[in-house]
Structures are given as structure tokens and as C-alpha cells.
Amino acid sequence: MKNQYETVFILTPVLSEDQVKEAVKKFRDFITENGGEIVWEEDWGLKKLAYPIQHKKNGFYHLIEFKYDPEKIKRLDLEFKRDERVIRHLIVKLDKHAIAWNVKRREKKQQKNA
């Protein structure tokens, strides 16, 4: 049985646009190649950090919502830790209330963009 998760990761600001896309693709592919299913994805772009991390004040934020086997989630966490382009990451398991809230948020965003 797969659980639904959400991950937000911050990439170092010294990367080019192509390098950011390549890093995001790496994690997206890692999830799908290991039996996961991507539900939603958002690129939040370059944002100011709340506090400096590794002497950097900005970072490229990216969110991925996905369904994944809970036994494999540690491998994904390790993949984030091993990648030097990632300065911070967080993986959260979503409960039914968070999933419902995310669905509403997506619908509002899609209506706004339509």
C-alpha cells in the first residue's frame, strides 16, 4: 500500500536554470522508477531563505506531491542527502485532511490560471 507524501527541497542558488531542471528531473525520475506516482508538482522559483544556509541567502524551491511505498522513503531521503545541490529538504507523510486541503488548493490555483 502506498502512502501520499509531499516533499519540498531547496537547491543551491549558484545553479543555472538547466542545472535546476536536471536536479528536479533526477528526483522526479527516482520517485517514478522506484514505483512512485507523482500527483502534483510546483516550481516555486528562487526565493530568499529565512536564514543563511551554507552562507547562501537564496535558493530554488521545488515541491513534489507523490504516492510512494513507505518502506522506500528512507532511500529517497538518502538520495536528497547525497546530492550536493540540495541545501535543505523535507519529506512529509500526508493524512486525509492534508490531502483534501491540497486538492482544494490545486483546484483554486487551476481556476485562477484558467
PDB file of N, CA and C in Angstrom:
ATOM      1  N   MET A   1       0.828  -1.184   0.000  1.00  0.00           N
ATOM      2  CA  MET A   1       0.000   0.000   0.000  1.00  0.00           C
ATOM      3  C   MET A   1       0.879   1.256   0.000  1.00  0.00           C
ATOM      4  N   LYS A   2       0.505   2.209  -0.827  1.00  0.00           N
ATOM      5  CA  LYS A   2       1.290   3.434  -0.927  1.00  0.00           C
ATOM      6  C   LYS A   2       0.659   4.541  -0.080  1.00  0.00           C
ATOM      7  N   ASN A   3       1.527   5.297   0.559  1.00  0.00           N
ATOM      8  CA  ASN A   3       1.094   6.485   1.288  1.00  0.00           C
ATOM      9  C   ASN A   3       1.306   7.699   0.400  1.00  0.00           C
ATOM     10  N   GLN A   4       0.647   8.793   0.740  1.00  0.00           N
ATOM     11  CA  GLN A   4       0.846  10.025  -0.018  1.00  0.00           C
ATOM     12  C   GLN A   4       1.796  10.925   0.776  1.00  0.00           C
ATOM     13  N   TYR A   5       2.784  11.471   0.077  1.00  0.00           N
ATOM     14  CA  TYR A   5       3.812  12.305   0.681  1.00  0.00           C
ATOM     15  C   TYR A   5       3.919  13.619  -0.074  1.00  0.00           C
ATOM     16  N   GLU A   6       4.602  14.543   0.570  1.00  0.00           N
ATOM     17  CA  GLU A   6       4.907  15.824  -0.052  1.00  0.00           C
ATOM     18  C   GLU A   6       6.351  16.130   0.319  1.00  0.00           C
ATOM     19  N   THR A   7       7.135  16.548  -0.640  1.00  0.00           N
ATOM     20  CA  THR A   7       8.492  16.956  -0.346  1.00  0.00           C
ATOM     21  C   THR A   7       8.739  18.349  -0.906  1.00  0.00           C
ATOM     22  N   VAL A   8       9.419  19.140  -0.133  1.00  0.00           N
ATOM     23  CA  VAL A   8       9.900  20.443  -0.583  1.00  0.00           C
ATOM     24  C   VAL A   8      11.407  20.393  -0.426  1.00  0.00           C
ATOM     25  N   PHE A   9      12.114  20.749  -1.492  1.00  0.00           N
ATOM     26  CA  PHE A   9      13.561  20.799  -1.393  1.00  0.00           C
ATOM     27  C   PHE A   9      14.072  22.120  -1.948  1.00  0.00           C
ATOM     28  N   ILE A  10      15.205  22.548  -1.408  1.00  0.00           N
ATOM     29  CA  ILE A  10      15.817  23.814  -1.795  1.00  0.00           C
ATOM     30  C   ILE A  10      17.159  23.506  -2.434  1.00  0.00           C
ATOM     31  N   LEU A  11      17.326  24.003  -3.652  1.00  0.00           N
ATOM     32  CA  LEU A  11      18.574  23.816  -4.383  1.00  0.00           C
ATOM     33  C   LEU A  11      19.430  25.075  -4.262  1.00  0.00           C
ATOM     34  N   THR A  12      20.722  24.879  -4.298  1.00  0.00           N
ATOM     35  CA  THR A  12      21.666  25.987  -4.159  1.00  0.00           C
ATOM     36  C   THR A  12      21.450  27.033  -5.260  1.00  0.00           C
ATOM     37  N   PRO A  13      21.575  28.314  -4.947  1.00  0.00           N
ATOM     38  CA  PRO A  13      21.289  29.367  -5.926  1.00  0.00           C
ATOM     39  C   PRO A  13      22.366  29.552  -6.992  1.00  0.00           C
ATOM     40  N   VAL A  14      23.485  28.868  -6.883  1.00  0.00           N
ATOM     41  CA  VAL A  14      24.551  29.039  -7.868  1.00  0.00           C
ATOM     42  C   VAL A  14      24.321  28.213  -9.137  1.00  0.00           C
ATOM     43  N   LEU A  15      23.242  27.423  -9.156  1.00  0.00           N
ATOM     44  CA  LEU A  15      22.947  26.588 -10.319  1.00  0.00           C
ATOM     45  C   LEU A  15      22.326  27.398 -11.444  1.00  0.00           C
ATOM     46  N   SER A  16      22.577  26.964 -12.678  1.00  0.00           N
ATOM     47  CA  SER A  16      21.917  27.576 -13.830  1.00  0.00           C
ATOM     48  C   SER A  16      20.502  26.996 -13.935  1.00  0.00           C
ATOM     49  N   GLU A  17      19.681  27.578 -14.788  1.00  0.00           N
ATOM     50  CA  GLU A  17      18.309  27.092 -14.964  1.00  0.00           C
ATOM     51  C   GLU A  17      18.301  25.640 -15.437  1.00  0.00           C
ATOM     52  N   ASP A  18      19.217  25.302 -16.345  1.00  0.00           N
ATOM     53  CA  ASP A  18      19.300  23.918 -16.840  1.00  0.00           C
ATOM     54  C   ASP A  18      19.714  22.951 -15.733  1.00  0.00           C
ATOM     55  N   GLN A  19      20.633  23.379 -14.872  1.00  0.00           N
ATOM     56  CA  GLN A  19      21.073  22.522 -13.774  1.00  0.00           C
ATOM     57  C   GLN A  19      19.953  22.298 -12.761  1.00  0.00           C
ATOM     58  N   VAL A  20      19.136  23.323 -12.531  1.00  0.00           N
ATOM     59  CA  VAL A  20      17.988  23.181 -11.629  1.00  0.00           C
ATOM     60  C   VAL A  20      17.012  22.173 -12.223  1.00  0.00           C
ATOM     61  N   LYS A  21      16.702  22.307 -13.512  1.00  0.00           N
ATOM     62  CA  LYS A  21      15.780  21.374 -14.169  1.00  0.00           C
ATOM     63  C   LYS A  21      16.309  19.945 -14.111  1.00  0.00           C
ATOM     64  N   GLU A  22      17.625  19.793 -14.298  1.00  0.00           N
ATOM     65  CA  GLU A  22      18.236  18.467 -14.256  1.00  0.00           C
ATOM     66  C   GLU A  22      18.116  17.855 -12.856  1.00  0.00           C
ATOM     67  N   ALA A  23      18.342  18.663 -11.815  1.00  0.00           N
ATOM     68  CA  ALA A  23      18.241  18.173 -10.435  1.00  0.00           C
ATOM     69  C   ALA A  23      16.805  17.760 -10.110  1.00  0.00           C
ATOM     70  N   VAL A  24      15.837  18.564 -10.512  1.00  0.00           N
ATOM     71  CA  VAL A  24      14.429  18.244 -10.276  1.00  0.00           C
ATOM     72  C   VAL A  24      14.060  16.962 -11.011  1.00  0.00           C
ATOM     73  N   LYS A  25      14.516  16.828 -12.251  1.00  0.00           N
ATOM     74  CA  LYS A  25      14.241  15.632 -13.047  1.00  0.00           C
ATOM     75  C   LYS A  25      14.826  14.390 -12.368  1.00  0.00           C
ATOM     76  N   LYS A  26      16.000  14.533 -11.771  1.00  0.00           N
ATOM     77  CA  LYS A  26      16.638  13.403 -11.087  1.00  0.00           C
ATOM     78  C   LYS A  26      15.735  12.869  -9.978  1.00  0.00           C
ATOM     79  N   PHE A  27      15.175  13.762  -9.161  1.00  0.00           N
ATOM     80  CA  PHE A  27      14.327  13.317  -8.052  1.00  0.00           C
ATOM     81  C   PHE A  27      12.972  12.823  -8.543  1.00  0.00           C
ATOM     82  N   ARG A  28      12.430  13.467  -9.566  1.00  0.00           N
ATOM     83  CA  ARG A  28      11.173  13.027 -10.159  1.00  0.00           C
ATOM     84  C   ARG A  28      11.344  11.608 -10.713  1.00  0.00           C
ATOM     85  N   ASP A  29      12.435  11.392 -11.450  1.00  0.00           N
ATOM     86  CA  ASP A  29      12.716  10.064 -12.017  1.00  0.00           C
ATOM     87  C   ASP A  29      12.965   9.031 -10.926  1.00  0.00           C
ATOM     88  N   PHE A  30      13.656   9.429  -9.854  1.00  0.00           N
ATOM     89  CA  PHE A  30      13.933   8.496  -8.754  1.00  0.00           C
ATOM     90  C   PHE A  30      12.614   7.992  -8.158  1.00  0.00           C
ATOM     91  N   ILE A  31      11.662   8.907  -7.983  1.00  0.00           N
ATOM     92  CA  ILE A  31      10.363   8.531  -7.412  1.00  0.00           C
ATOM     93  C   ILE A  31       9.626   7.574  -8.342  1.00  0.00           C
ATOM     94  N   THR A  32       9.528   7.919  -9.623  1.00  0.00           N
ATOM     95  CA  THR A  32       8.757   7.094 -10.560  1.00  0.00           C
ATOM     96  C   THR A  32       9.446   5.762 -10.851  1.00  0.00           C
ATOM     97  N   GLU A  33      10.770   5.731 -10.924  1.00  0.00           N
ATOM     98  CA  GLU A  33      11.486   4.484 -11.207  1.00  0.00           C
ATOM     99  C   GLU A  33      11.419   3.500 -10.047  1.00  0.00           C
ATOM    100  N   ASN A  34      11.133   3.999  -8.850  1.00  0.00           N
ATOM    101  CA  ASN A  34      11.020   3.133  -7.680  1.00  0.00           C
ATOM    102  C   ASN A  34       9.566   2.857  -7.306  1.00  0.00           C
ATOM    103  N   GLY A  35       8.677   2.968  -8.289  1.00  0.00           N
ATOM    104  CA  GLY A  35       7.290   2.586  -8.088  1.00  0.00           C
ATOM    105  C   GLY A  35       6.387   3.687  -7.562  1.00  0.00           C
ATOM    106  N   GLY A  36       6.888   4.910  -7.490  1.00  0.00           N
ATOM    107  CA  GLY A  36       6.077   6.019  -7.004  1.00  0.00           C
ATOM    108  C   GLY A  36       5.245   6.639  -8.118  1.00  0.00           C
ATOM    109  N   GLU A  37       4.301   7.452  -7.714  1.00  0.00           N
ATOM    110  CA  GLU A  37       3.412   8.126  -8.668  1.00  0.00           C
ATOM    111  C   GLU A  37       3.328   9.596  -8.268  1.00  0.00           C
ATOM    112  N   ILE A  38       3.709  10.485  -9.175  1.00  0.00           N
ATOM    113  CA  ILE A  38       3.677  11.915  -8.885  1.00  0.00           C
ATOM    114  C   ILE A  38       2.255  12.430  -9.067  1.00  0.00           C
ATOM    115  N   VAL A  39       1.742  13.094  -8.028  1.00  0.00           N
ATOM    116  CA  VAL A  39       0.383  13.616  -8.029  1.00  0.00           C
ATOM    117  C   VAL A  39       0.379  15.080  -8.486  1.00  0.00           C
ATOM    118  N   TRP A  40       1.315  15.861  -7.980  1.00  0.00           N
ATOM    119  CA  TRP A  40       1.365  17.297  -8.259  1.00  0.00           C
ATOM    120  C   TRP A  40       2.792  17.783  -8.099  1.00  0.00           C
ATOM    121  N   GLU A  41       3.108  18.827  -8.821  1.00  0.00           N
ATOM    122  CA  GLU A  41       4.452  19.384  -8.757  1.00  0.00           C
ATOM    123  C   GLU A  41       4.377  20.893  -8.952  1.00  0.00           C
ATOM    124  N   GLU A  42       5.173  21.615  -8.196  1.00  0.00           N
ATOM    125  CA  GLU A  42       5.220  23.072  -8.320  1.00  0.00           C
ATOM    126  C   GLU A  42       6.657  23.543  -8.238  1.00  0.00           C
ATOM    127  N   ASP A  43       6.995  24.459  -9.123  1.00  0.00           N
ATOM    128  CA  ASP A  43       8.290  25.122  -9.069  1.00  0.00           C
ATOM    129  C   ASP A  43       8.050  26.496  -8.460  1.00  0.00           C
ATOM    130  N   TRP A  44       8.595  26.731  -7.271  1.00  0.00           N
ATOM    131  CA  TRP A  44       8.376  27.998  -6.586  1.00  0.00           C
ATOM    132  C   TRP A  44       9.439  29.030  -6.955  1.00  0.00           C
ATOM    133  N   GLY A  45      10.474  28.596  -7.674  1.00  0.00           N
ATOM    134  CA  GLY A  45      11.500  29.516  -8.142  1.00  0.00           C
ATOM    135  C   GLY A  45      12.492  29.930  -7.063  1.00  0.00           C
ATOM    136  N   LEU A  46      13.249  30.981  -7.372  1.00  0.00           N
ATOM    137  CA  LEU A  46      14.283  31.488  -6.472  1.00  0.00           C
ATOM    138  C   LEU A  46      13.625  32.341  -5.390  1.00  0.00           C
ATOM    139  N   LYS A  47      13.856  31.972  -4.150  1.00  0.00           N
ATOM    140  CA  LYS A  47      13.267  32.694  -3.019  1.00  0.00           C
ATOM    141  C   LYS A  47      14.347  32.971  -1.974  1.00  0.00           C
ATOM    142  N   LYS A  48      14.098  34.001  -1.186  1.00  0.00           N
ATOM    143  CA  LYS A  48      15.003  34.347  -0.094  1.00  0.00           C
ATOM    144  C   LYS A  48      14.793  33.353   1.042  1.00  0.00           C
ATOM    145  N   LEU A  49      15.877  32.883   1.636  1.00  0.00           N
ATOM    146  CA  LEU A  49      15.800  31.961   2.764  1.00  0.00           C
ATOM    147  C   LEU A  49      15.506  32.733   4.046  1.00  0.00           C
ATOM    148  N   ALA A  50      14.890  32.085   4.996  1.00  0.00           N
ATOM    149  CA  ALA A  50      14.590  32.716   6.285  1.00  0.00           C
ATOM    150  C   ALA A  50      15.879  33.027   7.044  1.00  0.00           C
ATOM    151  N   TYR A  51      16.896  32.209   6.834  1.00  0.00           N
ATOM    152  CA  TYR A  51      18.202  32.409   7.467  1.00  0.00           C
ATOM    153  C   TYR A  51      19.255  31.813   6.532  1.00  0.00           C
ATOM    154  N   PRO A  52      20.492  32.286   6.592  1.00  0.00           N
ATOM    155  CA  PRO A  52      21.527  31.752   5.689  1.00  0.00           C
ATOM    156  C   PRO A  52      21.795  30.261   5.934  1.00  0.00           C
ATOM    157  N   ILE A  53      21.940  29.533   4.841  1.00  0.00           N
ATOM    158  CA  ILE A  53      22.301  28.120   4.889  1.00  0.00           C
ATOM    159  C   ILE A  53      23.544  27.965   4.030  1.00  0.00           C
ATOM    160  N   GLN A  54      24.613  27.442   4.603  1.00  0.00           N
ATOM    161  CA  GLN A  54      25.889  27.292   3.899  1.00  0.00           C
ATOM    162  C   GLN A  54      26.307  28.622   3.260  1.00  0.00           C
ATOM    163  N   HIS A  55      26.134  29.715   3.989  1.00  0.00           N
ATOM    164  CA  HIS A  55      26.491  31.076   3.563  1.00  0.00           C
ATOM    165  C   HIS A  55      25.690  31.551   2.349  1.00  0.00           C
ATOM    166  N   LYS A  56      24.555  30.935   2.093  1.00  0.00           N
ATOM    167  CA  LYS A  56      23.710  31.343   0.964  1.00  0.00           C
ATOM    168  C   LYS A  56      22.423  31.944   1.505  1.00  0.00           C
ATOM    169  N   LYS A  57      21.955  33.008   0.843  1.00  0.00           N
ATOM    170  CA  LYS A  57      20.763  33.714   1.316  1.00  0.00           C
ATOM    171  C   LYS A  57      19.530  33.422   0.470  1.00  0.00           C
ATOM    172  N   ASN A  58      19.701  32.749  -0.682  1.00  0.00           N
ATOM    173  CA  ASN A  58      18.601  32.412  -1.590  1.00  0.00           C
ATOM    174  C   ASN A  58      18.684  30.937  -1.960  1.00  0.00           C
ATOM    175  N   GLY A  59      17.598  30.426  -2.527  1.00  0.00           N
ATOM    176  CA  GLY A  59      17.596  29.047  -3.005  1.00  0.00           C
ATOM    177  C   GLY A  59      16.421  28.813  -3.936  1.00  0.00           C
ATOM    178  N   PHE A  60      16.553  27.803  -4.783  1.00  0.00           N
ATOM    179  CA  PHE A  60      15.479  27.411  -5.699  1.00  0.00           C
ATOM    180  C   PHE A  60      14.605  26.391  -4.978  1.00  0.00           C
ATOM    181  N   TYR A  61      13.343  26.745  -4.768  1.00  0.00           N
ATOM    182  CA  TYR A  61      12.394  25.884  -4.067  1.00  0.00           C
ATOM    183  C   TYR A  61      11.595  25.061  -5.075  1.00  0.00           C
ATOM    184  N   HIS A  62      11.335  23.785  -4.710  1.00  0.00           N
ATOM    185  CA  HIS A  62      10.523  22.925  -5.558  1.00  0.00           C
ATOM    186  C   HIS A  62       9.700  21.992  -4.667  1.00  0.00           C
ATOM    187  N   LEU A  63       8.428  21.802  -5.025  1.00  0.00           N
ATOM    188  CA  LEU A  63       7.519  20.935  -4.273  1.00  0.00           C
ATOM    189  C   LEU A  63       7.068  19.781  -5.171  1.00  0.00           C
ATOM    190  N   ILE A  64       7.067  18.577  -4.613  1.00  0.00           N
ATOM    191  CA  ILE A  64       6.528  17.412  -5.314  1.00  0.00           C
ATOM    192  C   ILE A  64       5.610  16.670  -4.350  1.00  0.00           C
ATOM    193  N   GLU A  65       4.377  16.430  -4.782  1.00  0.00           N
ATOM    194  CA  GLU A  65       3.429  15.616  -4.022  1.00  0.00           C
ATOM    195  C   GLU A  65       3.345  14.275  -4.749  1.00  0.00           C
ATOM    196  N   PHE A  66       3.474  13.182  -4.005  1.00  0.00           N
ATOM    197  CA  PHE A  66       3.578  11.875  -4.658  1.00  0.00           C
ATOM    198  C   PHE A  66       3.067  10.753  -3.771  1.00  0.00           C
ATOM    199  N   LYS A  67       2.744   9.621  -4.419  1.00  0.00           N
ATOM    200  CA  LYS A  67       2.368   8.395  -3.715  1.00  0.00           C
ATOM    201  C   LYS A  67       3.578   7.472  -3.790  1.00  0.00           C
ATOM    202  N   TYR A  68       3.909   6.874  -2.643  1.00  0.00           N
ATOM    203  CA  TYR A  68       5.162   6.119  -2.579  1.00  0.00           C
ATOM    204  C   TYR A  68       5.056   5.019  -1.531  1.00  0.00           C
ATOM    205  N   ASP A  69       5.821   3.961  -1.727  1.00  0.00           N
ATOM    206  CA  ASP A  69       5.885   2.860  -0.777  1.00  0.00           C
ATOM    207  C   ASP A  69       6.614   3.343   0.484  1.00  0.00           C
ATOM    208  N   PRO A  70       5.994   3.224   1.668  1.00  0.00           N
ATOM    209  CA  PRO A  70       6.634   3.731   2.892  1.00  0.00           C
ATOM    210  C   PRO A  70       7.969   3.059   3.226  1.00  0.00           C
ATOM    211  N   GLU A  71       8.158   1.840   2.739  1.00  0.00           N
ATOM    212  CA  GLU A  71       9.415   1.151   3.016  1.00  0.00           C
ATOM    213  C   GLU A  71      10.579   1.711   2.195  1.00  0.00           C
ATOM    214  N   LYS A  72      10.272   2.449   1.138  1.00  0.00           N
ATOM    215  CA  LYS A  72      11.316   3.001   0.270  1.00  0.00           C
ATOM    216  C   LYS A  72      11.602   4.473   0.552  1.00  0.00           C
ATOM    217  N   ILE A  73      10.880   5.079   1.486  1.00  0.00           N
ATOM    218  CA  ILE A  73      11.013   6.513   1.707  1.00  0.00           C
ATOM    219  C   ILE A  73      12.398   6.876   2.245  1.00  0.00           C
ATOM    220  N   LYS A  74      13.022   5.979   2.990  1.00  0.00           N
ATOM    221  CA  LYS A  74      14.375   6.247   3.507  1.00  0.00           C
ATOM    222  C   LYS A  74      15.395   6.345   2.378  1.00  0.00           C
ATOM    223  N   ARG A  75      15.172   5.584   1.307  1.00  0.00           N
ATOM    224  CA  ARG A  75      16.091   5.652   0.153  1.00  0.00           C
ATOM    225  C   ARG A  75      15.989   7.010  -0.533  1.00  0.00           C
ATOM    226  N   LEU A  76      14.765   7.535  -0.621  1.00  0.00           N
ATOM    227  CA  LEU A  76      14.576   8.864  -1.203  1.00  0.00           C
ATOM    228  C   LEU A  76      15.238   9.919  -0.327  1.00  0.00           C
ATOM    229  N   ASP A  77      15.066   9.805   0.981  1.00  0.00           N
ATOM    230  CA  ASP A  77      15.690  10.740   1.917  1.00  0.00           C
ATOM    231  C   ASP A  77      17.213  10.712   1.762  1.00  0.00           C
ATOM    232  N   LEU A  78      17.763   9.516   1.630  1.00  0.00           N
ATOM    233  CA  LEU A  78      19.210   9.370   1.449  1.00  0.00           C
ATOM    234  C   LEU A  78      19.661   9.992   0.130  1.00  0.00           C
ATOM    235  N   GLU A  79      18.845   9.874  -0.898  1.00  0.00           N
ATOM    236  CA  GLU A  79      19.170  10.463  -2.204  1.00  0.00           C
ATOM    237  C   GLU A  79      19.256  11.988  -2.094  1.00  0.00           C
ATOM    238  N   PHE A  80      18.351  12.593  -1.351  1.00  0.00           N
ATOM    239  CA  PHE A  80      18.407  14.041  -1.121  1.00  0.00           C
ATOM    240  C   PHE A  80      19.681  14.417  -0.362  1.00  0.00           C
ATOM    241  N   LYS A  81      20.013  13.640   0.661  1.00  0.00           N
ATOM    242  CA  LYS A  81      21.186  13.939   1.495  1.00  0.00           C
ATOM    243  C   LYS A  81      22.489  13.813   0.704  1.00  0.00           C
ATOM    244  N   ARG A  82      22.535  12.894  -0.244  1.00  0.00           N
ATOM    245  CA  ARG A  82      23.761  12.657  -1.020  1.00  0.00           C
ATOM    246  C   ARG A  82      24.015  13.702  -2.108  1.00  0.00           C
ATOM    247  N   ASP A  83      22.962  14.403  -2.515  1.00  0.00           N
ATOM    248  CA  ASP A  83      23.093  15.359  -3.615  1.00  0.00           C
ATOM    249  C   ASP A  83      23.571  16.708  -3.076  1.00  0.00           C
ATOM    250  N   GLU A  84      24.737  17.128  -3.509  1.00  0.00           N
ATOM    251  CA  GLU A  84      25.332  18.375  -3.000  1.00  0.00           C
ATOM    252  C   GLU A  84      24.596  19.626  -3.479  1.00  0.00           C
ATOM    253  N   ARG A  85      23.729  19.488  -4.474  1.00  0.00           N
ATOM    254  CA  ARG A  85      22.959  20.637  -4.960  1.00  0.00           C
ATOM    255  C   ARG A  85      21.809  20.988  -4.020  1.00  0.00           C
ATOM    256  N   VAL A  86      21.394  20.026  -3.185  1.00  0.00           N
ATOM    257  CA  VAL A  86      20.284  20.225  -2.251  1.00  0.00           C
ATOM    258  C   VAL A  86      20.835  20.788  -0.944  1.00  0.00           C
ATOM    259  N   ILE A  87      20.345  21.987  -0.562  1.00  0.00           N
ATOM    260  CA  ILE A  87      20.815  22.559   0.705  1.00  0.00           C
ATOM    261  C   ILE A  87      19.847  22.264   1.855  1.00  0.00           C
ATOM    262  N   ARG A  88      18.584  21.989   1.559  1.00  0.00           N
ATOM    263  CA  ARG A  88      17.610  21.554   2.561  1.00  0.00           C
ATOM    264  C   ARG A  88      16.508  20.754   1.867  1.00  0.00           C
ATOM    265  N   HIS A  89      15.927  19.816   2.601  1.00  0.00           N
ATOM    266  CA  HIS A  89      14.774  19.074   2.085  1.00  0.00           C
ATOM    267  C   HIS A  89      13.909  18.622   3.253  1.00  0.00           C
ATOM    268  N   LEU A  90      12.652  18.373   2.953  1.00  0.00           N
ATOM    269  CA  LEU A  90      11.723  17.882   3.954  1.00  0.00           C
ATOM    270  C   LEU A  90      10.722  16.975   3.250  1.00  0.00           C
ATOM    271  N   ILE A  91      10.511  15.792   3.816  1.00  0.00           N
ATOM    272  CA  ILE A  91       9.518  14.852   3.291  1.00  0.00           C
ATOM    273  C   ILE A  91       8.471  14.660   4.382  1.00  0.00           C
ATOM    274  N   VAL A  92       7.208  14.875   4.032  1.00  0.00           N
ATOM    275  CA  VAL A  92       6.121  14.785   4.999  1.00  0.00           C
ATOM    276  C   VAL A  92       5.072  13.798   4.491  1.00  0.00           C
ATOM    277  N   LYS A  93       4.630  12.898   5.374  1.00  0.00           N
ATOM    278  CA  LYS A  93       3.527  11.990   5.041  1.00  0.00           C
ATOM    279  C   LYS A  93       2.224  12.763   5.260  1.00  0.00           C
ATOM    280  N   LEU A  94       1.346  12.733   4.263  1.00  0.00           N
ATOM    281  CA  LEU A  94       0.097  13.478   4.332  1.00  0.00           C
ATOM    282  C   LEU A  94      -1.031  12.602   4.884  1.00  0.00           C
ATOM    283  N   ASP A  95      -1.820  13.166   5.790  1.00  0.00           N
ATOM    284  CA  ASP A  95      -3.016  12.461   6.258  1.00  0.00           C
ATOM    285  C   ASP A  95      -4.193  12.867   5.375  1.00  0.00           C
ATOM    286  N   LYS A  96      -5.370  12.315   5.637  1.00  0.00           N
ATOM    287  CA  LYS A  96      -6.522  12.569   4.758  1.00  0.00           C
ATOM    288  C   LYS A  96      -6.914  14.041   4.732  1.00  0.00           C
ATOM    289  N   HIS A  97      -6.703  14.760   5.832  1.00  0.00           N
ATOM    290  CA  HIS A  97      -7.047  16.184   5.879  1.00  0.00           C
ATOM    291  C   HIS A  97      -6.084  17.011   5.025  1.00  0.00           C
ATOM    292  N   ALA A  98      -4.811  16.676   5.085  1.00  0.00           N
ATOM    293  CA  ALA A  98      -3.812  17.388   4.278  1.00  0.00           C
ATOM    294  C   ALA A  98      -4.024  17.111   2.790  1.00  0.00           C
ATOM    295  N   ILE A  99      -4.388  15.894   2.460  1.00  0.00           N
ATOM    296  CA  ILE A  99      -4.653  15.541   1.063  1.00  0.00           C
ATOM    297  C   ILE A  99      -5.844  16.337   0.545  1.00  0.00           C
ATOM    298  N   ALA A 100      -6.919  16.412   1.352  1.00  0.00           N
ATOM    299  CA  ALA A 100      -8.118  17.172   0.956  1.00  0.00           C
ATOM    300  C   ALA A 100      -7.787  18.654   0.796  1.00  0.00           C
ATOM    301  N   TRP A 101      -6.981  19.191   1.691  1.00  0.00           N
ATOM    302  CA  TRP A 101      -6.585  20.598   1.614  1.00  0.00           C
ATOM    303  C   TRP A 101      -5.769  20.848   0.346  1.00  0.00           C
ATOM    304  N   ASN A 102      -4.850  19.939   0.015  1.00  0.00           N
ATOM    305  CA  ASN A 102      -4.035  20.084  -1.188  1.00  0.00           C
ATOM    306  C   ASN A 102      -4.893  20.042  -2.450  1.00  0.00           C
ATOM    307  N   VAL A 103      -5.912  19.187  -2.467  1.00  0.00           N
ATOM    308  CA  VAL A 103      -6.815  19.100  -3.623  1.00  0.00           C
ATOM    309  C   VAL A 103      -7.536  20.437  -3.806  1.00  0.00           C
ATOM    310  N   LYS A 104      -8.051  20.998  -2.710  1.00  0.00           N
ATOM    311  CA  LYS A 104      -8.734  22.298  -2.786  1.00  0.00           C
ATOM    312  C   LYS A 104      -7.786  23.387  -3.284  1.00  0.00           C
ATOM    313  N   ARG A 105      -6.572  23.381  -2.759  1.00  0.00           N
ATOM    314  CA  ARG A 105      -5.571  24.385  -3.140  1.00  0.00           C
ATOM    315  C   ARG A 105      -5.239  24.286  -4.636  1.00  0.00           C
ATOM    316  N   ARG A 106      -5.098  23.062  -5.132  1.00  0.00           N
ATOM    317  CA  ARG A 106      -4.811  22.855  -6.559  1.00  0.00           C
ATOM    318  C   ARG A 106      -5.963  23.345  -7.428  1.00  0.00           C
ATOM    319  N   GLU A 107      -7.202  23.017  -7.003  1.00  0.00           N
ATOM    320  CA  GLU A 107      -8.372  23.438  -7.778  1.00  0.00           C
ATOM    321  C   GLU A 107      -8.463  24.958  -7.852  1.00  0.00           C
ATOM    322  N   LYS A 108      -8.211  25.636  -6.739  1.00  0.00           N
ATOM    323  CA  LYS A 108      -8.230  27.106  -6.724  1.00  0.00           C
ATOM    324  C   LYS A 108      -7.159  27.669  -7.653  1.00  0.00           C
ATOM    325  N   LYS A 109      -5.987  27.051  -7.602  1.00  0.00           N
ATOM    326  CA  LYS A 109      -4.872  27.519  -8.436  1.00  0.00           C
ATOM    327  C   LYS A 109      -5.202  27.327  -9.924  1.00  0.00           C
ATOM    328  N   GLN A 110      -5.807  26.188 -10.251  1.00  0.00           N
ATOM    329  CA  GLN A 110      -6.153  25.920 -11.650  1.00  0.00           C
ATOM    330  C   GLN A 110      -7.262  26.855 -12.139  1.00  0.00           C
ATOM    331  N   GLN A 111      -8.225  27.183 -11.281  1.00  0.00           N
ATOM    332  CA  GLN A 111      -9.283  28.109 -11.644  1.00  0.00           C
ATOM    333  C   GLN A 111      -8.718  29.520 -11.865  1.00  0.00           C
ATOM    334  N   LYS A 112      -7.761  29.868 -11.026  1.00  0.00           N
ATOM    335  CA  LYS A 112      -7.119  31.173 -11.116  1.00  0.00           C
ATOM    336  C   LYS A 112      -6.347  31.317 -12.429  1.00  0.00           C
ATOM    337  N   ASN A 113      -5.696  30.226 -12.846  1.00  0.00           N
ATOM    338  CA  ASN A 113      -4.878  30.242 -14.068  1.00  0.00           C
ATOM    339  C   ASN A 113      -5.718  30.073 -15.335  1.00  0.00           C
ATOM    340  N   ALA A 114      -6.960  29.624 -15.197  1.00  0.00           N
ATOM    341  CA  ALA A 114      -7.815  29.371 -16.375  1.00  0.00           C
ATOM    342  C   ALA A 114      -8.394  30.657 -16.945  1.00  0.00           C
TER     343      ALA A 114
END
